[in-house]
Structure formats: C-alpha cells, structure tokens
Amino acid sequence: MRLEARALEGDQTVKVLVPLVSLTTFKADVGHGVDWFIAQATDPEADVDFVDWEPKLVWQTLCDRAGETREFATWLQEIEWAGIYPAEDELDPSGGEATPIPESSPASSSGPAARGASSSRSTTSSKPRSGPKSKA
C-alpha cells in the first residue's frame, strides 16, 4: 500500500507520496511503524488517534521530499490540517516527481512501418489445439 501525505496551510494543499526514507525515519523516531498505528486505529479498545501519528509522518515526508525546514512544533502551529491517505498503488521510484517519458524514435523497429511486410510465405493454418476435447 502506498501512502500520500497531505497538508493544508492557508489556501494551499501540498500532496506528496510518502517515500520509504520517511517511513523508516518515522519508525525510528516514534518507536512504531505506520502499520502499527493503522492497526491501532481499527481497534476500538486502543487509545491511539490519528493526531498521535499522522501529522508527524506528514511533516517528515514534507521535510524529506518538499523542502520543509520548520521544526515540527512550529509547522504544526502554522498549518490547518494534515493527514495520510491511500495513494494509487503503482510503482513510482521517483518519489512522486514527474518523470518525462521520451518519445520513441520514428526509425524505431517497434513500429509496423519499420518492420515492413512479413517474410513468412506459409499458406497452412495453425495446428488444432492439443489436449482433451470437451464433450457437449
């Protein structure tokens, strides 16, 4: 599961994917990993609330990826809201940065024009599938 840190300050919302470095730093600082806090949040007997961990992880993520330089206590006083949300579950090694994808070259051999006509001259059809035949 990938996570996204969001902070609202004034009329600006900052959204950043939570990188592995933020998760490991957070765990070292608070003594528990995010998975522990999430499990506690679903336990009605637990005495753990989102304010016990989400703002700290958002701040850590912003320090690691968005250039945040304020101390945690100062940052906490100056923001309106902070939270951790599920992010799209696809691999993004850039840490959320936009990565341009180069266009393929027109001379690339992957396009149909580059391959040209097929060199196969076969006129026979494929063999029938092997294996047991289904009974109707």
N, C-alpha and C. Protein backbone atom coordinates (compact mmCIF):
# COMPACT_ATOMS: atom_id res chain seq x y z
N MET A 1 0.84 -1.18 0.00
CA MET A 1 0.00 0.00 0.00
C MET A 1 0.89 1.24 0.00
N ARG A 2 0.59 2.14 -0.92
CA ARG A 2 1.33 3.40 -0.98
C ARG A 2 0.51 4.47 -0.28
N LEU A 3 1.22 5.42 0.32
CA LEU A 3 0.56 6.47 1.07
C LEU A 3 0.89 7.84 0.50
N GLU A 4 -0.04 8.77 0.69
CA GLU A 4 0.16 10.15 0.26
C GLU A 4 -0.01 11.04 1.49
N ALA A 5 0.95 11.94 1.70
CA ALA A 5 0.86 12.91 2.78
C ALA A 5 0.24 14.19 2.23
N ARG A 6 -0.71 14.75 2.97
CA ARG A 6 -1.35 15.99 2.55
C ARG A 6 -1.36 16.96 3.72
N ALA A 7 -1.05 18.21 3.42
CA ALA A 7 -1.10 19.27 4.43
C ALA A 7 -1.81 20.48 3.85
N LEU A 8 -2.69 21.07 4.64
CA LEU A 8 -3.40 22.28 4.25
C LEU A 8 -2.86 23.43 5.08
N GLU A 9 -2.32 24.42 4.38
CA GLU A 9 -1.79 25.62 5.04
C GLU A 9 -2.31 26.82 4.27
N GLY A 10 -3.13 27.63 4.95
CA GLY A 10 -3.77 28.73 4.25
C GLY A 10 -4.71 28.17 3.21
N ASP A 11 -4.57 28.61 1.97
CA ASP A 11 -5.42 28.09 0.90
C ASP A 11 -4.66 27.12 -0.01
N GLN A 12 -3.51 26.65 0.45
CA GLN A 12 -2.68 25.76 -0.36
C GLN A 12 -2.63 24.36 0.26
N THR A 13 -2.89 23.36 -0.58
CA THR A 13 -2.76 21.97 -0.16
C THR A 13 -1.54 21.38 -0.83
N VAL A 14 -0.67 20.78 -0.03
CA VAL A 14 0.52 20.11 -0.55
C VAL A 14 0.27 18.61 -0.47
N LYS A 15 0.52 17.90 -1.58
CA LYS A 15 0.36 16.45 -1.64
C LYS A 15 1.68 15.84 -2.08
N VAL A 16 2.17 14.87 -1.31
CA VAL A 16 3.45 14.24 -1.62
C VAL A 16 3.34 12.75 -1.30
N LEU A 17 3.83 11.90 -2.20
CA LEU A 17 3.89 10.47 -1.90
C LEU A 17 4.88 10.25 -0.75
N VAL A 18 4.53 9.36 0.16
CA VAL A 18 5.38 9.08 1.31
C VAL A 18 6.48 8.11 0.85
N PRO A 19 7.74 8.56 0.86
CA PRO A 19 8.83 7.68 0.43
C PRO A 19 9.28 6.76 1.57
N LEU A 20 9.99 5.74 1.21
CA LEU A 20 10.49 4.77 2.18
C LEU A 20 11.34 5.43 3.27
N VAL A 21 12.14 6.42 2.90
CA VAL A 21 13.00 7.08 3.88
C VAL A 21 12.16 7.74 4.97
N SER A 22 11.03 8.30 4.62
CA SER A 22 10.15 8.92 5.62
C SER A 22 9.56 7.88 6.56
N LEU A 23 9.17 6.74 6.00
CA LEU A 23 8.61 5.67 6.82
C LEU A 23 9.63 5.13 7.82
N THR A 24 10.86 4.94 7.37
CA THR A 24 11.87 4.39 8.28
C THR A 24 12.31 5.43 9.32
N THR A 25 12.42 6.68 8.93
CA THR A 25 12.76 7.74 9.88
C THR A 25 11.66 7.88 10.92
N PHE A 26 10.42 7.87 10.47
CA PHE A 26 9.26 7.96 11.36
C PHE A 26 9.28 6.84 12.38
N LYS A 27 9.50 5.61 11.92
CA LYS A 27 9.53 4.46 12.82
C LYS A 27 10.65 4.58 13.85
N ALA A 28 11.81 5.04 13.42
CA ALA A 28 12.93 5.22 14.35
C ALA A 28 12.62 6.31 15.38
N ASP A 29 11.92 7.36 14.96
CA ASP A 29 11.61 8.48 15.87
C ASP A 29 10.53 8.14 16.88
N VAL A 30 9.49 7.44 16.46
CA VAL A 30 8.35 7.21 17.36
C VAL A 30 8.27 5.81 17.94
N GLY A 31 9.09 4.89 17.44
CA GLY A 31 9.14 3.55 18.02
C GLY A 31 8.17 2.55 17.43
N HIS A 32 7.30 2.98 16.55
CA HIS A 32 6.35 2.09 15.87
C HIS A 32 6.27 2.47 14.40
N GLY A 33 5.99 1.47 13.57
CA GLY A 33 5.80 1.74 12.15
C GLY A 33 4.37 2.16 11.88
N VAL A 34 4.13 2.66 10.69
CA VAL A 34 2.81 3.11 10.29
C VAL A 34 1.80 1.98 10.39
N ASP A 35 2.20 0.75 10.05
CA ASP A 35 1.29 -0.38 10.11
C ASP A 35 0.74 -0.58 11.52
N TRP A 36 1.56 -0.35 12.53
CA TRP A 36 1.12 -0.48 13.92
C TRP A 36 0.03 0.56 14.23
N PHE A 37 0.26 1.80 13.81
CA PHE A 37 -0.72 2.85 14.06
C PHE A 37 -2.03 2.58 13.33
N ILE A 38 -1.95 2.09 12.10
CA ILE A 38 -3.15 1.78 11.34
C ILE A 38 -3.93 0.66 12.02
N ALA A 39 -3.23 -0.37 12.50
CA ALA A 39 -3.89 -1.46 13.22
C ALA A 39 -4.55 -0.94 14.49
N GLN A 40 -3.89 -0.03 15.19
CA GLN A 40 -4.47 0.54 16.41
C GLN A 40 -5.73 1.35 16.10
N ALA A 41 -5.73 2.02 14.96
CA ALA A 41 -6.88 2.84 14.59
C ALA A 41 -8.13 2.00 14.36
N THR A 42 -7.97 0.74 13.99
CA THR A 42 -9.12 -0.13 13.75
C THR A 42 -9.52 -0.91 14.99
N ASP A 43 -8.77 -0.79 16.07
CA ASP A 43 -9.07 -1.49 17.32
C ASP A 43 -9.85 -0.56 18.25
N PRO A 44 -11.12 -0.89 18.55
CA PRO A 44 -11.92 0.00 19.39
C PRO A 44 -11.38 0.13 20.82
N GLU A 45 -10.58 -0.82 21.25
CA GLU A 45 -10.01 -0.78 22.60
C GLU A 45 -8.73 0.07 22.67
N ALA A 46 -8.13 0.37 21.53
CA ALA A 46 -6.86 1.11 21.50
C ALA A 46 -7.10 2.58 21.82
N ASP A 47 -6.11 3.17 22.43
CA ASP A 47 -6.20 4.59 22.78
C ASP A 47 -5.23 5.40 21.90
N VAL A 48 -5.32 5.16 20.59
CA VAL A 48 -4.46 5.85 19.64
C VAL A 48 -5.36 6.56 18.63
N ASP A 49 -5.09 7.83 18.39
CA ASP A 49 -5.87 8.62 17.45
C ASP A 49 -4.96 9.06 16.31
N PHE A 50 -5.56 9.56 15.22
CA PHE A 50 -4.75 9.99 14.09
C PHE A 50 -3.78 11.10 14.47
N VAL A 51 -4.14 11.94 15.43
CA VAL A 51 -3.25 13.04 15.81
C VAL A 51 -1.99 12.54 16.51
N ASP A 52 -2.01 11.26 16.90
CA ASP A 52 -0.82 10.68 17.53
C ASP A 52 0.27 10.35 16.53
N TRP A 53 -0.06 10.30 15.24
CA TRP A 53 0.96 9.88 14.28
C TRP A 53 0.87 10.55 12.91
N GLU A 54 -0.31 10.82 12.37
CA GLU A 54 -0.41 11.33 11.00
C GLU A 54 0.30 12.67 10.79
N PRO A 55 0.09 13.67 11.65
CA PRO A 55 0.81 14.93 11.41
C PRO A 55 2.33 14.76 11.42
N LYS A 56 2.83 13.90 12.29
CA LYS A 56 4.28 13.67 12.36
C LYS A 56 4.80 13.06 11.06
N LEU A 57 4.07 12.09 10.51
CA LEU A 57 4.51 11.46 9.26
C LEU A 57 4.38 12.43 8.09
N VAL A 58 3.34 13.24 8.07
CA VAL A 58 3.20 14.25 7.01
C VAL A 58 4.38 15.21 7.07
N TRP A 59 4.69 15.71 8.26
CA TRP A 59 5.82 16.64 8.43
C TRP A 59 7.13 15.99 7.98
N GLN A 60 7.36 14.74 8.38
CA GLN A 60 8.59 14.03 8.00
C GLN A 60 8.68 13.90 6.48
N THR A 61 7.56 13.57 5.84
CA THR A 61 7.52 13.44 4.39
C THR A 61 7.82 14.77 3.71
N LEU A 62 7.21 15.84 4.21
CA LEU A 62 7.45 17.16 3.61
C LEU A 62 8.90 17.59 3.80
N CYS A 63 9.50 17.24 4.92
CA CYS A 63 10.93 17.53 5.12
C CYS A 63 11.78 16.75 4.12
N ASP A 64 11.43 15.48 3.92
CA ASP A 64 12.22 14.62 3.04
C ASP A 64 12.02 14.91 1.56
N ARG A 65 10.82 15.37 1.15
CA ARG A 65 10.54 15.50 -0.27
C ARG A 65 10.10 16.88 -0.74
N ALA A 66 9.66 17.74 0.16
CA ALA A 66 9.11 19.02 -0.30
C ALA A 66 9.87 20.22 0.25
N GLY A 67 11.02 19.99 0.87
CA GLY A 67 11.86 21.10 1.33
C GLY A 67 11.39 21.80 2.60
N GLU A 68 10.54 21.15 3.38
CA GLU A 68 10.09 21.75 4.64
C GLU A 68 11.28 21.91 5.58
N THR A 69 11.42 23.10 6.17
CA THR A 69 12.57 23.36 7.06
C THR A 69 12.16 23.76 8.47
N ARG A 70 10.87 24.01 8.70
CA ARG A 70 10.43 24.39 10.04
C ARG A 70 10.49 23.20 10.99
N GLU A 71 10.69 23.48 12.27
CA GLU A 71 10.62 22.44 13.29
C GLU A 71 9.18 21.94 13.35
N PHE A 72 9.01 20.71 13.81
CA PHE A 72 7.69 20.09 13.84
C PHE A 72 6.68 20.94 14.61
N ALA A 73 7.03 21.41 15.80
CA ALA A 73 6.10 22.18 16.63
C ALA A 73 5.67 23.48 15.94
N THR A 74 6.60 24.14 15.28
CA THR A 74 6.29 25.38 14.56
C THR A 74 5.37 25.08 13.38
N TRP A 75 5.73 24.08 12.60
CA TRP A 75 4.94 23.69 11.44
C TRP A 75 3.52 23.34 11.87
N LEU A 76 3.38 22.59 12.96
CA LEU A 76 2.08 22.16 13.45
C LEU A 76 1.19 23.35 13.84
N GLN A 77 1.80 24.38 14.39
CA GLN A 77 1.04 25.58 14.76
C GLN A 77 0.59 26.38 13.54
N GLU A 78 1.29 26.26 12.43
CA GLU A 78 1.04 27.10 11.26
C GLU A 78 0.16 26.46 10.19
N ILE A 79 -0.13 25.17 10.31
CA ILE A 79 -0.97 24.51 9.32
C ILE A 79 -2.40 24.38 9.84
N GLU A 80 -3.33 24.15 8.90
CA GLU A 80 -4.72 23.93 9.29
C GLU A 80 -5.02 22.44 9.47
N TRP A 81 -4.44 21.60 8.63
CA TRP A 81 -4.76 20.18 8.66
C TRP A 81 -3.64 19.38 8.03
N ALA A 82 -3.46 18.15 8.50
CA ALA A 82 -2.50 17.23 7.90
C ALA A 82 -3.06 15.82 8.03
N GLY A 83 -2.84 15.01 7.00
CA GLY A 83 -3.32 13.65 7.05
C GLY A 83 -2.61 12.75 6.07
N ILE A 84 -2.77 11.44 6.30
CA ILE A 84 -2.20 10.41 5.44
C ILE A 84 -3.36 9.71 4.74
N TYR A 85 -3.24 9.55 3.42
CA TYR A 85 -4.30 8.97 2.62
C TYR A 85 -3.72 7.89 1.71
N PRO A 86 -4.56 6.92 1.30
CA PRO A 86 -4.07 5.92 0.33
C PRO A 86 -3.74 6.60 -1.00
N ALA A 87 -2.68 6.13 -1.63
CA ALA A 87 -2.28 6.63 -2.95
C ALA A 87 -2.47 5.51 -3.96
N GLU A 88 -2.45 5.89 -5.24
CA GLU A 88 -2.54 4.87 -6.28
C GLU A 88 -1.45 3.85 -6.07
N ASP A 89 -1.80 2.59 -6.23
CA ASP A 89 -0.87 1.51 -5.94
C ASP A 89 -0.10 1.08 -7.18
N GLU A 90 0.81 1.94 -7.62
CA GLU A 90 1.69 1.58 -8.73
C GLU A 90 3.09 2.07 -8.39
N LEU A 91 4.07 1.36 -8.83
CA LEU A 91 5.45 1.68 -8.51
C LEU A 91 5.85 3.02 -9.09
N ASP A 92 6.38 3.88 -8.25
CA ASP A 92 6.84 5.21 -8.69
C ASP A 92 8.16 5.50 -8.00
N PRO A 93 9.27 5.02 -8.55
CA PRO A 93 10.56 5.20 -7.88
C PRO A 93 11.03 6.64 -7.82
N SER A 94 10.33 7.55 -8.49
CA SER A 94 10.75 8.95 -8.48
C SER A 94 10.35 9.65 -7.19
N GLY A 95 9.59 8.98 -6.33
CA GLY A 95 9.15 9.61 -5.10
C GLY A 95 8.08 10.65 -5.35
N GLY A 96 7.35 10.52 -6.44
CA GLY A 96 6.27 11.44 -6.72
C GLY A 96 6.64 12.54 -7.69
N GLU A 97 7.87 12.60 -8.11
CA GLU A 97 8.28 13.62 -9.06
C GLU A 97 7.83 13.23 -10.46
N ALA A 98 7.51 14.21 -11.26
CA ALA A 98 7.11 13.95 -12.64
C ALA A 98 8.33 13.46 -13.41
N THR A 99 8.19 12.36 -14.10
CA THR A 99 9.28 11.80 -14.89
C THR A 99 8.86 11.80 -16.35
N PRO A 100 9.51 12.63 -17.17
CA PRO A 100 9.11 12.65 -18.58
C PRO A 100 9.49 11.35 -19.27
N ILE A 101 8.61 10.89 -20.15
CA ILE A 101 8.87 9.68 -20.92
C ILE A 101 9.27 10.12 -22.32
N PRO A 102 10.48 9.77 -22.73
CA PRO A 102 10.91 10.20 -24.07
C PRO A 102 10.06 9.55 -25.16
N GLU A 103 9.82 10.32 -26.22
CA GLU A 103 9.08 9.78 -27.34
C GLU A 103 9.96 8.80 -28.09
N SER A 104 9.32 7.79 -28.69
CA SER A 104 10.11 6.81 -29.44
C SER A 104 10.55 7.43 -30.76
N SER A 105 11.66 6.97 -31.24
CA SER A 105 12.22 7.46 -32.49
C SER A 105 11.40 6.94 -33.66
N PRO A 106 11.21 7.74 -34.71
CA PRO A 106 10.47 7.25 -35.89
C PRO A 106 11.18 6.09 -36.56
N ALA A 107 12.49 5.99 -36.38
CA ALA A 107 13.24 4.91 -37.01
C ALA A 107 13.25 3.66 -36.13
N SER A 108 12.49 3.69 -35.05
CA SER A 108 12.46 2.55 -34.14
C SER A 108 11.92 1.32 -34.85
N SER A 109 12.43 0.18 -34.50
CA SER A 109 11.99 -1.06 -35.14
C SER A 109 10.71 -1.59 -34.51
N SER A 110 10.17 -0.89 -33.51
CA SER A 110 8.98 -1.41 -32.85
C SER A 110 7.70 -1.07 -33.59
N GLY A 111 7.72 -0.13 -34.50
CA GLY A 111 6.51 0.26 -35.22
C GLY A 111 6.27 -0.62 -36.42
N PRO A 112 5.03 -0.70 -36.90
CA PRO A 112 4.73 -1.55 -38.06
C PRO A 112 5.42 -1.07 -39.32
N ALA A 113 5.60 0.22 -39.51
CA ALA A 113 6.25 0.72 -40.72
C ALA A 113 7.71 0.29 -40.77
N ALA A 114 8.35 0.19 -39.64
CA ALA A 114 9.76 -0.18 -39.60
C ALA A 114 9.95 -1.67 -39.88
N ARG A 115 8.93 -2.46 -39.55
CA ARG A 115 9.07 -3.90 -39.75
C ARG A 115 8.85 -4.29 -41.20
N GLY A 116 8.04 -3.57 -41.91
CA GLY A 116 7.77 -3.91 -43.31
C GLY A 116 6.87 -5.11 -43.43
N ALA A 117 6.82 -5.69 -44.64
CA ALA A 117 5.97 -6.85 -44.91
C ALA A 117 6.53 -8.08 -44.23
N SER A 118 5.66 -8.99 -43.90
CA SER A 118 6.08 -10.22 -43.26
C SER A 118 6.88 -11.06 -44.26
N SER A 119 7.89 -11.72 -43.75
CA SER A 119 8.70 -12.57 -44.62
C SER A 119 8.15 -13.99 -44.68
N SER A 120 7.11 -14.27 -43.92
CA SER A 120 6.53 -15.61 -43.91
C SER A 120 5.76 -15.86 -45.20
N ARG A 121 5.95 -17.02 -45.80
CA ARG A 121 5.24 -17.37 -47.02
C ARG A 121 4.32 -18.57 -46.79
N SER A 122 4.12 -18.93 -45.56
CA SER A 122 3.33 -20.11 -45.24
C SER A 122 1.87 -19.89 -45.61
N THR A 123 1.27 -20.94 -46.19
CA THR A 123 -0.15 -20.88 -46.54
C THR A 123 -0.96 -21.86 -45.71
N THR A 124 -0.29 -22.60 -44.81
CA THR A 124 -1.01 -23.57 -43.98
C THR A 124 -1.53 -22.89 -42.72
N SER A 125 -2.62 -23.43 -42.22
CA SER A 125 -3.18 -22.86 -40.99
C SER A 125 -2.51 -23.52 -39.79
N SER A 126 -2.76 -22.96 -38.64
CA SER A 126 -2.19 -23.49 -37.41
C SER A 126 -2.75 -24.87 -37.12
N LYS A 127 -1.98 -25.63 -36.35
CA LYS A 127 -2.44 -26.95 -35.93
C LYS A 127 -3.58 -26.78 -34.93
N PRO A 128 -4.48 -27.75 -34.87
CA PRO A 128 -5.53 -27.68 -33.85
C PRO A 128 -4.92 -27.82 -32.46
N ARG A 129 -5.61 -27.31 -31.47
CA ARG A 129 -5.11 -27.37 -30.09
C ARG A 129 -5.02 -28.81 -29.64
N SER A 130 -3.98 -29.09 -28.89
CA SER A 130 -3.83 -30.45 -28.36
C SER A 130 -4.53 -30.52 -27.02
N GLY A 131 -4.72 -31.69 -26.51
CA GLY A 131 -5.36 -31.88 -25.21
C GLY A 131 -6.72 -32.52 -25.37
N PRO A 132 -7.36 -32.78 -24.24
CA PRO A 132 -8.67 -33.45 -24.30
C PRO A 132 -9.71 -32.53 -24.91
N LYS A 133 -10.60 -33.14 -25.69
CA LYS A 133 -11.68 -32.39 -26.30
C LYS A 133 -12.85 -32.32 -25.32
N SER A 134 -13.53 -31.20 -25.32
CA SER A 134 -14.66 -31.09 -24.42
C SER A 134 -15.84 -31.83 -24.98
N LYS A 135 -16.65 -32.42 -24.09
CA LYS A 135 -17.83 -33.18 -24.51
C LYS A 135 -19.03 -32.25 -24.41
N ALA A 136 -19.85 -32.28 -25.42
CA ALA A 136 -21.03 -31.42 -25.44
C ALA A 136 -22.25 -32.11 -24.91
